[in-house]
Amino acid sequence: MFGLSPAELLKVVPAILFGLTVHELSHAWAALRLGDDTPRLMGRLTWNPLKHVDLFGFIMLVVAGFGWAKPVMINRANLKKPVRDDILIALAGPFSNLACALLLVLLLKGVVALVPFGSRESFQAVTSVFLVFIGINVSLGLFNLLPIPPLDGSHVVAGALAAKSAAGAAVYFRYGSYALLALILLERILHTEILPVGRAVGWVVRLLLRLVGLA
């Protein structure tokens, strides 16, 4: 939380809690729809953020810009098509964040239409909150689509590998997380962007705003 003003924290913290809850709940919902009730039995089909947020991972996300939530556990034995369904469950999280960002942009469009009926200061305050929520959801969506374990996008690659070599998929998952950590640390040490997420987030947010005539 260092480097953030109290006013910024009041926007960032709820936005992260909301984004993580949407993300993990979507994993749980997708698993249930595909035949696995493990997330329901573990209490993950809820909008309560406390069921989804890992405290240390949340603090790291606010402070350092990267972190994690409690993973949604699934039982692949309950899935009709384990490889395909595992990919769909994984992708449900990031795509729900991107869909949420689009919905928030549409709501912001409605708020902008109300400008003549309110003070400019109130409008700017509300708009800044919307932009933080939009940015956080786009960030969570795009970052988790990276094909590097343990991120959600890695399940697509793992599924392709598993079709050819189960051992190859196991190695990919075992060592991929170390590669991700190394890349993140290198970014911090070199003060440069290696993973193209930051630029992509800015581009997607501008595109969404442009689509509704706000940019």
C-alpha atoms as a PDB file:
ATOM      1  CA  MET A   1       0.000   0.000   0.000  1.00  0.00           C
ATOM      2  CA  PHE A   2       3.090   2.175   0.005  1.00  0.00           C
ATOM      3  CA  GLY A   3       3.035   5.031  -2.506  1.00  0.00           C
ATOM      4  CA  LEU A   4      -0.754   5.180  -2.605  1.00  0.00           C
ATOM      5  CA  SER A   5      -2.617   8.057  -1.009  1.00  0.00           C
ATOM      6  CA  PRO A   6      -5.639   7.359   1.221  1.00  0.00           C
ATOM      7  CA  ALA A   7      -7.888   8.608  -1.582  1.00  0.00           C
ATOM      8  CA  GLU A   8      -6.273   6.207  -4.050  1.00  0.00           C
ATOM      9  CA  LEU A   9      -6.559   3.303  -1.613  1.00  0.00           C
ATOM     10  CA  LEU A  10     -10.280   3.979  -1.251  1.00  0.00           C
ATOM     11  CA  LYS A  11     -10.622   3.317  -4.970  1.00  0.00           C
ATOM     12  CA  VAL A  12      -7.986   0.639  -5.554  1.00  0.00           C
ATOM     13  CA  VAL A  13      -8.799  -1.695  -2.643  1.00  0.00           C
ATOM     14  CA  PRO A  14     -12.530  -2.123  -3.452  1.00  0.00           C
ATOM     15  CA  ALA A  15     -11.689  -2.452  -7.157  1.00  0.00           C
ATOM     16  CA  ILE A  16      -9.236  -5.290  -6.500  1.00  0.00           C
ATOM     17  CA  LEU A  17     -11.645  -7.029  -4.118  1.00  0.00           C
ATOM     18  CA  PHE A  18     -14.402  -6.787  -6.704  1.00  0.00           C
ATOM     19  CA  GLY A  19     -12.201  -7.940  -9.592  1.00  0.00           C
ATOM     20  CA  LEU A  20     -10.812 -10.930  -7.700  1.00  0.00           C
ATOM     21  CA  THR A  21     -14.290 -11.955  -6.540  1.00  0.00           C
ATOM     22  CA  VAL A  22     -15.683 -11.805 -10.083  1.00  0.00           C
ATOM     23  CA  HIS A  23     -12.693 -13.779 -11.347  1.00  0.00           C
ATOM     24  CA  GLU A  24     -12.774 -16.614  -8.811  1.00  0.00           C
ATOM     25  CA  LEU A  25     -16.564 -16.841  -8.676  1.00  0.00           C
ATOM     26  CA  SER A  26     -16.567 -17.270 -12.450  1.00  0.00           C
ATOM     27  CA  HIS A  27     -14.148 -20.191 -12.161  1.00  0.00           C
ATOM     28  CA  ALA A  28     -16.444 -21.775  -9.568  1.00  0.00           C
ATOM     29  CA  TRP A  29     -19.595 -21.164 -11.601  1.00  0.00           C
ATOM     30  CA  ALA A  30     -18.026 -22.591 -14.771  1.00  0.00           C
ATOM     31  CA  ALA A  31     -16.896 -25.706 -12.904  1.00  0.00           C
ATOM     32  CA  LEU A  32     -20.400 -26.265 -11.564  1.00  0.00           C
ATOM     33  CA  ARG A  33     -21.933 -25.825 -15.020  1.00  0.00           C
ATOM     34  CA  LEU A  34     -19.492 -28.385 -16.416  1.00  0.00           C
ATOM     35  CA  GLY A  35     -20.355 -31.013 -13.811  1.00  0.00           C
ATOM     36  CA  ASP A  36     -17.984 -30.436 -10.896  1.00  0.00           C
ATOM     37  CA  ASP A  37     -19.606 -29.319  -7.642  1.00  0.00           C
ATOM     38  CA  THR A  38     -16.317 -29.182  -5.701  1.00  0.00           C
ATOM     39  CA  PRO A  39     -16.263 -25.340  -5.654  1.00  0.00           C
ATOM     40  CA  ARG A  40     -19.848 -25.285  -4.342  1.00  0.00           C
ATOM     41  CA  LEU A  41     -18.988 -27.747  -1.579  1.00  0.00           C
ATOM     42  CA  MET A  42     -16.009 -25.556  -0.649  1.00  0.00           C
ATOM     43  CA  GLY A  43     -18.183 -22.444  -0.408  1.00  0.00           C
ATOM     44  CA  ARG A  44     -16.786 -20.691  -3.475  1.00  0.00           C
ATOM     45  CA  LEU A  45     -20.117 -19.954  -5.167  1.00  0.00           C
ATOM     46  CA  THR A  46     -20.516 -16.679  -3.303  1.00  0.00           C
ATOM     47  CA  TRP A  47     -20.030 -12.947  -3.792  1.00  0.00           C
ATOM     48  CA  ASN A  48     -18.364 -12.756  -0.380  1.00  0.00           C
ATOM     49  CA  PRO A  49     -14.788 -11.595  -1.188  1.00  0.00           C
ATOM     50  CA  LEU A  50     -13.460 -13.145   2.024  1.00  0.00           C
ATOM     51  CA  LYS A  51     -14.096 -16.584   0.517  1.00  0.00           C
ATOM     52  CA  HIS A  52     -11.912 -15.775  -2.479  1.00  0.00           C
ATOM     53  CA  VAL A  53      -9.172 -13.413  -1.313  1.00  0.00           C
ATOM     54  CA  ASP A  54      -5.850 -14.619   0.044  1.00  0.00           C
ATOM     55  CA  LEU A  55      -4.743 -11.939   2.518  1.00  0.00           C
ATOM     56  CA  PHE A  56      -1.035 -11.989   1.690  1.00  0.00           C
ATOM     57  CA  GLY A  57      -1.688 -12.279  -2.040  1.00  0.00           C
ATOM     58  CA  PHE A  58      -4.100  -9.349  -1.825  1.00  0.00           C
ATOM     59  CA  ILE A  59      -1.590  -7.168   0.028  1.00  0.00           C
ATOM     60  CA  MET A  60       1.077  -8.044  -2.550  1.00  0.00           C
ATOM     61  CA  LEU A  61      -1.304  -7.100  -5.353  1.00  0.00           C
ATOM     62  CA  VAL A  62      -1.967  -3.679  -3.814  1.00  0.00           C
ATOM     63  CA  VAL A  63       1.658  -3.019  -2.838  1.00  0.00           C
ATOM     64  CA  ALA A  64       3.672  -4.610  -5.638  1.00  0.00           C
ATOM     65  CA  GLY A  65       1.199  -4.878  -8.503  1.00  0.00           C
ATOM     66  CA  PHE A  66       1.186  -8.678  -8.575  1.00  0.00           C
ATOM     67  CA  GLY A  67      -0.457 -11.142  -6.230  1.00  0.00           C
ATOM     68  CA  TRP A  68      -3.000 -13.924  -6.098  1.00  0.00           C
ATOM     69  CA  ALA A  69      -6.349 -15.080  -4.736  1.00  0.00           C
ATOM     70  CA  LYS A  70      -7.367 -18.424  -3.274  1.00  0.00           C
ATOM     71  CA  PRO A  71      -7.369 -20.898  -6.162  1.00  0.00           C
ATOM     72  CA  VAL A  72     -10.663 -22.569  -6.992  1.00  0.00           C
ATOM     73  CA  MET A  73     -10.124 -26.294  -6.552  1.00  0.00           C
ATOM     74  CA  ILE A  74     -11.733 -28.624  -9.068  1.00  0.00           C
ATOM     75  CA  ASN A  75     -11.973 -32.395  -9.435  1.00  0.00           C
ATOM     76  CA  ARG A  76     -11.208 -33.256 -13.047  1.00  0.00           C
ATOM     77  CA  ALA A  77     -12.767 -36.699 -12.524  1.00  0.00           C
ATOM     78  CA  ASN A  78     -16.165 -34.973 -12.382  1.00  0.00           C
ATOM     79  CA  LEU A  79     -15.719 -33.328 -15.786  1.00  0.00           C
ATOM     80  CA  LYS A  80     -17.156 -34.993 -18.884  1.00  0.00           C
ATOM     81  CA  LYS A  81     -14.279 -33.823 -21.084  1.00  0.00           C
ATOM     82  CA  PRO A  82     -11.462 -33.085 -18.613  1.00  0.00           C
ATOM     83  CA  VAL A  83      -9.029 -31.349 -20.991  1.00  0.00           C
ATOM     84  CA  ARG A  84     -11.610 -29.180 -22.732  1.00  0.00           C
ATOM     85  CA  ASP A  85     -13.553 -28.399 -19.567  1.00  0.00           C
ATOM     86  CA  ASP A  86     -10.398 -27.526 -17.621  1.00  0.00           C
ATOM     87  CA  ILE A  87      -9.568 -24.951 -20.300  1.00  0.00           C
ATOM     88  CA  LEU A  88     -13.097 -23.510 -20.220  1.00  0.00           C
ATOM     89  CA  ILE A  89     -13.042 -23.245 -16.422  1.00  0.00           C
ATOM     90  CA  ALA A  90      -9.660 -21.528 -16.530  1.00  0.00           C
ATOM     91  CA  LEU A  91     -10.710 -19.029 -19.200  1.00  0.00           C
ATOM     92  CA  ALA A  92     -13.956 -18.177 -17.382  1.00  0.00           C
ATOM     93  CA  GLY A  93     -11.995 -16.085 -14.876  1.00  0.00           C
ATOM     94  CA  PRO A  94     -10.153 -13.652 -17.168  1.00  0.00           C
ATOM     95  CA  PHE A  95     -12.994 -13.351 -19.657  1.00  0.00           C
ATOM     96  CA  SER A  96     -15.411 -12.498 -16.842  1.00  0.00           C
ATOM     97  CA  ASN A  97     -13.098  -9.628 -15.856  1.00  0.00           C
ATOM     98  CA  LEU A  98     -13.005  -8.340 -19.438  1.00  0.00           C
ATOM     99  CA  ALA A  99     -16.795  -8.621 -19.712  1.00  0.00           C
ATOM    100  CA  CYS A 100     -17.120  -6.776 -16.417  1.00  0.00           C
ATOM    101  CA  ALA A 101     -14.856  -4.008 -17.728  1.00  0.00           C
ATOM    102  CA  LEU A 102     -17.113  -3.624 -20.774  1.00  0.00           C
ATOM    103  CA  LEU A 103     -20.195  -3.439 -18.551  1.00  0.00           C
ATOM    104  CA  LEU A 104     -18.521  -0.789 -16.385  1.00  0.00           C
ATOM    105  CA  VAL A 105     -17.690   1.267 -19.486  1.00  0.00           C
ATOM    106  CA  LEU A 106     -21.347   1.149 -20.525  1.00  0.00           C
ATOM    107  CA  LEU A 107     -22.385   2.252 -17.027  1.00  0.00           C
ATOM    108  CA  LEU A 108     -19.842   5.072 -17.203  1.00  0.00           C
ATOM    109  CA  LYS A 109     -21.430   6.162 -20.465  1.00  0.00           C
ATOM    110  CA  GLY A 110     -24.710   6.500 -18.569  1.00  0.00           C
ATOM    111  CA  VAL A 111     -23.021   8.497 -15.813  1.00  0.00           C
ATOM    112  CA  VAL A 112     -21.539  10.888 -18.383  1.00  0.00           C
ATOM    113  CA  ALA A 113     -25.048  11.523 -19.699  1.00  0.00           C
ATOM    114  CA  LEU A 114     -26.004  12.802 -16.237  1.00  0.00           C
ATOM    115  CA  VAL A 115     -23.280  15.486 -16.124  1.00  0.00           C
ATOM    116  CA  PRO A 116     -25.680  18.411 -16.711  1.00  0.00           C
ATOM    117  CA  PHE A 117     -27.645  17.350 -13.608  1.00  0.00           C
ATOM    118  CA  GLY A 118     -24.748  17.257 -11.134  1.00  0.00           C
ATOM    119  CA  SER A 119     -21.650  19.144 -10.085  1.00  0.00           C
ATOM    120  CA  ARG A 120     -18.491  18.744 -12.149  1.00  0.00           C
ATOM    121  CA  GLU A 121     -16.545  17.761  -9.013  1.00  0.00           C
ATOM    122  CA  SER A 122     -18.935  14.906  -8.265  1.00  0.00           C
ATOM    123  CA  PHE A 123     -18.763  13.784 -11.882  1.00  0.00           C
ATOM    124  CA  GLN A 124     -14.964  13.712 -11.865  1.00  0.00           C
ATOM    125  CA  ALA A 125     -14.904  11.762  -8.598  1.00  0.00           C
ATOM    126  CA  VAL A 126     -17.346   9.136  -9.856  1.00  0.00           C
ATOM    127  CA  THR A 127     -15.565   8.886 -13.215  1.00  0.00           C
ATOM    128  CA  SER A 128     -12.195   8.312 -11.527  1.00  0.00           C
ATOM    129  CA  VAL A 129     -13.693   5.434  -9.513  1.00  0.00           C
ATOM    130  CA  PHE A 130     -15.126   3.856 -12.665  1.00  0.00           C
ATOM    131  CA  LEU A 131     -11.781   4.147 -14.459  1.00  0.00           C
ATOM    132  CA  VAL A 132      -9.975   2.394 -11.596  1.00  0.00           C
ATOM    133  CA  PHE A 133     -12.508  -0.455 -11.574  1.00  0.00           C
ATOM    134  CA  ILE A 134     -12.275  -0.740 -15.370  1.00  0.00           C
ATOM    135  CA  GLY A 135      -8.474  -0.718 -15.324  1.00  0.00           C
ATOM    136  CA  ILE A 136      -8.234  -3.336 -12.561  1.00  0.00           C
ATOM    137  CA  ASN A 137     -10.610  -5.701 -14.347  1.00  0.00           C
ATOM    138  CA  VAL A 138      -8.808  -5.335 -17.675  1.00  0.00           C
ATOM    139  CA  SER A 139      -5.481  -5.907 -15.887  1.00  0.00           C
ATOM    140  CA  LEU A 140      -6.714  -9.065 -14.164  1.00  0.00           C
ATOM    141  CA  GLY A 141      -8.196 -10.344 -17.406  1.00  0.00           C
ATOM    142  CA  LEU A 142      -5.159  -9.781 -19.618  1.00  0.00           C
ATOM    143  CA  PHE A 143      -2.539 -10.807 -17.060  1.00  0.00           C
ATOM    144  CA  ASN A 144      -4.277 -14.104 -16.365  1.00  0.00           C
ATOM    145  CA  LEU A 145      -4.504 -14.856 -20.085  1.00  0.00           C
ATOM    146  CA  LEU A 146      -0.708 -15.059 -20.315  1.00  0.00           C
ATOM    147  CA  PRO A 147       0.221 -18.680 -21.193  1.00  0.00           C
ATOM    148  CA  ILE A 148       2.572 -19.050 -18.225  1.00  0.00           C
ATOM    149  CA  PRO A 149       1.796 -21.291 -15.216  1.00  0.00           C
ATOM    150  CA  PRO A 150       0.072 -20.873 -12.880  1.00  0.00           C
ATOM    151  CA  LEU A 151      -1.943 -18.274 -14.814  1.00  0.00           C
ATOM    152  CA  ASP A 152      -5.216 -19.257 -16.458  1.00  0.00           C
ATOM    153  CA  GLY A 153      -3.873 -18.950 -19.992  1.00  0.00           C
ATOM    154  CA  SER A 154      -1.414 -21.743 -19.284  1.00  0.00           C
ATOM    155  CA  HIS A 155      -4.270 -24.257 -19.213  1.00  0.00           C
ATOM    156  CA  VAL A 156      -4.716 -23.801 -22.965  1.00  0.00           C
ATOM    157  CA  VAL A 157      -1.060 -24.663 -23.593  1.00  0.00           C
ATOM    158  CA  ALA A 158      -1.163 -27.487 -21.050  1.00  0.00           C
ATOM    159  CA  GLY A 159      -4.210 -28.947 -22.772  1.00  0.00           C
ATOM    160  CA  ALA A 160      -2.387 -28.968 -26.101  1.00  0.00           C
ATOM    161  CA  LEU A 161       0.693 -30.521 -24.502  1.00  0.00           C
ATOM    162  CA  ALA A 162      -1.352 -33.138 -22.663  1.00  0.00           C
ATOM    163  CA  ALA A 163      -2.778 -34.344 -25.973  1.00  0.00           C
ATOM    164  CA  LYS A 164       0.762 -35.234 -27.061  1.00  0.00           C
ATOM    165  CA  SER A 165       2.638 -35.810 -23.820  1.00  0.00           C
ATOM    166  CA  ALA A 166       1.284 -35.881 -20.273  1.00  0.00           C
ATOM    167  CA  ALA A 167       4.861 -35.721 -19.008  1.00  0.00           C
ATOM    168  CA  GLY A 168       5.485 -32.576 -21.059  1.00  0.00           C
ATOM    169  CA  ALA A 169       2.418 -30.897 -19.577  1.00  0.00           C
ATOM    170  CA  ALA A 170       3.572 -31.830 -16.061  1.00  0.00           C
ATOM    171  CA  VAL A 171       7.023 -30.316 -16.649  1.00  0.00           C
ATOM    172  CA  TYR A 172       5.436 -27.187 -18.128  1.00  0.00           C
ATOM    173  CA  PHE A 173       3.319 -26.664 -15.010  1.00  0.00           C
ATOM    174  CA  ARG A 174       6.128 -27.569 -12.627  1.00  0.00           C
ATOM    175  CA  TYR A 175       8.662 -25.055 -13.910  1.00  0.00           C
ATOM    176  CA  GLY A 176       6.488 -22.428 -15.571  1.00  0.00           C
ATOM    177  CA  SER A 177       5.705 -20.665 -12.303  1.00  0.00           C
ATOM    178  CA  TYR A 178       9.421 -20.118 -11.698  1.00  0.00           C
ATOM    179  CA  ALA A 179       9.685 -18.497 -15.121  1.00  0.00           C
ATOM    180  CA  LEU A 180       6.796 -16.158 -14.297  1.00  0.00           C
ATOM    181  CA  LEU A 181       8.359 -15.158 -10.985  1.00  0.00           C
ATOM    182  CA  ALA A 182      11.713 -14.560 -12.692  1.00  0.00           C
ATOM    183  CA  LEU A 183      10.113 -12.322 -15.325  1.00  0.00           C
ATOM    184  CA  ILE A 184       8.265 -10.277 -12.696  1.00  0.00           C
ATOM    185  CA  LEU A 185      11.427  -9.845 -10.619  1.00  0.00           C
ATOM    186  CA  LEU A 186      13.394  -8.820 -13.715  1.00  0.00           C
ATOM    187  CA  GLU A 187      10.803  -6.163 -14.460  1.00  0.00           C
ATOM    188  CA  ARG A 188      11.218  -4.738 -10.968  1.00  0.00           C
ATOM    189  CA  ILE A 189      15.030  -4.872 -11.076  1.00  0.00           C
ATOM    190  CA  LEU A 190      15.415  -3.426 -14.579  1.00  0.00           C
ATOM    191  CA  HIS A 191      12.505  -0.983 -14.204  1.00  0.00           C
ATOM    192  CA  THR A 192      11.201  -2.014 -17.601  1.00  0.00           C
ATOM    193  CA  GLU A 193       8.210  -3.909 -18.920  1.00  0.00           C
ATOM    194  CA  ILE A 194       9.031  -7.412 -20.153  1.00  0.00           C
ATOM    195  CA  LEU A 195       5.527  -8.854 -20.022  1.00  0.00           C
ATOM    196  CA  PRO A 196       3.439  -6.709 -22.414  1.00  0.00           C
ATOM    197  CA  VAL A 197       0.498  -6.432 -20.022  1.00  0.00           C
ATOM    198  CA  GLY A 198       0.783  -2.749 -19.090  1.00  0.00           C
ATOM    199  CA  ARG A 199       0.730  -1.510 -22.669  1.00  0.00           C
ATOM    200  CA  ALA A 200      -2.055  -3.938 -23.562  1.00  0.00           C
ATOM    201  CA  VAL A 201      -4.182  -2.768 -20.625  1.00  0.00           C
ATOM    202  CA  GLY A 202      -3.881   0.862 -21.707  1.00  0.00           C
ATOM    203  CA  TRP A 203      -4.769  -0.052 -25.281  1.00  0.00           C
ATOM    204  CA  VAL A 204      -7.825  -2.123 -24.288  1.00  0.00           C
ATOM    205  CA  VAL A 205      -9.141   0.531 -21.881  1.00  0.00           C
ATOM    206  CA  ARG A 206      -8.799   3.231 -24.561  1.00  0.00           C
ATOM    207  CA  LEU A 207     -10.513   0.959 -27.083  1.00  0.00           C
ATOM    208  CA  LEU A 208     -13.446   0.300 -24.748  1.00  0.00           C
ATOM    209  CA  LEU A 209     -13.834   4.011 -24.000  1.00  0.00           C
ATOM    210  CA  ARG A 210     -13.615   4.837 -27.705  1.00  0.00           C
ATOM    211  CA  LEU A 211     -16.307   2.282 -28.540  1.00  0.00           C
ATOM    212  CA  VAL A 212     -18.819   4.188 -26.412  1.00  0.00           C
ATOM    213  CA  GLY A 213     -17.607   7.630 -27.457  1.00  0.00           C
ATOM    214  CA  LEU A 214     -15.728   8.493 -24.268  1.00  0.00           C
ATOM    215  CA  ALA A 215     -12.252   8.815 -25.819  1.00  0.00           C
END
